[in-house]
């Protein structure tokens, strides 16, 4: 079984455990047409609108 040869310093241990490298949640925004949450700068998947214009025709 692998056993460390030397004690890990607090700085090295804490650097590894820090949240710097962890992924963050993508920025969601509300759609101006339907109010659903969508990714910023993308067409709304539920209504098909982007910046107040219909991009994808969706049937209600």
Protein backbone atom coordinates (compact mmCIF):
# COMPACT_ATOMS: atom_id res chain seq x y z
CA UNK A 1 0.00 0.00 0.00
CA UNK A 2 1.28 3.50 -0.85
CA UNK A 3 2.41 5.54 2.14
CA UNK A 4 3.71 9.15 1.92
CA UNK A 5 7.45 9.52 2.65
CA UNK A 6 7.16 13.07 4.00
CA UNK A 7 4.52 15.13 5.77
CA UNK A 8 2.49 17.36 3.44
CA UNK A 9 2.78 21.04 4.41
CA UNK A 10 -0.37 22.96 5.30
CA UNK A 11 0.13 25.26 2.31
CA UNK A 12 0.35 22.35 -0.14
CA UNK A 13 -2.63 20.58 1.43
CA UNK A 14 -4.79 23.73 1.47
CA UNK A 15 -3.79 24.63 -2.10
CA UNK A 16 -5.16 21.30 -3.26
CA UNK A 17 -8.36 21.66 -1.26
CA UNK A 18 -9.05 25.24 -2.41
CA UNK A 19 -12.04 26.06 -4.60
CA UNK A 20 -9.99 27.76 -7.32
CA UNK A 21 -10.06 24.83 -9.75
CA UNK A 22 -13.65 23.75 -9.16
CA UNK A 23 -16.28 24.44 -11.83
CA UNK A 24 -18.82 27.22 -11.34
CA UNK A 25 -22.48 27.23 -12.27
CA UNK A 26 -23.24 28.80 -15.67
CA UNK A 27 -24.88 32.22 -15.63
CA UNK A 28 -28.62 31.84 -16.09
CA UNK A 29 -30.94 34.71 -17.00
CA UNK A 30 -34.70 35.04 -17.38
CA UNK A 31 -36.17 35.02 -20.88
CA UNK A 32 -37.84 38.35 -21.69
CA UNK A 33 -40.71 36.61 -23.54
CA UNK A 34 -41.70 33.61 -21.41
CA UNK A 35 -39.77 34.20 -18.15
CA UNK A 36 -38.07 30.77 -18.17
CA UNK A 37 -34.43 30.41 -17.13
CA UNK A 38 -32.01 30.18 -20.05
CA UNK A 39 -28.29 30.49 -20.64
CA UNK A 40 -27.09 34.03 -21.40
CA UNK A 41 -26.53 34.99 -25.07
CA UNK A 42 -28.46 31.97 -26.34
CA UNK A 43 -31.87 31.34 -27.88
CA UNK A 44 -34.51 30.40 -25.31
CA UNK A 45 -35.17 26.65 -25.62
CA UNK A 46 -38.81 26.94 -24.52
CA UNK A 47 -40.09 29.80 -26.70
CA UNK A 48 -37.38 30.24 -29.38
CA UNK A 49 -36.85 33.98 -28.85
CA UNK A 50 -33.52 35.86 -28.66
CA UNK A 51 -33.29 39.60 -27.91
CA UNK A 52 -37.05 40.02 -28.52
CA UNK A 53 -36.99 38.40 -31.97
CA UNK A 54 -38.36 34.97 -32.87
CA UNK A 55 -35.44 32.87 -34.07
CA UNK A 56 -36.89 29.36 -33.89
CA UNK A 57 -40.56 28.78 -34.66
CA UNK A 58 -42.17 26.94 -31.74
CA UNK A 59 -45.72 25.63 -31.85
CA UNK A 60 -47.80 26.39 -28.76
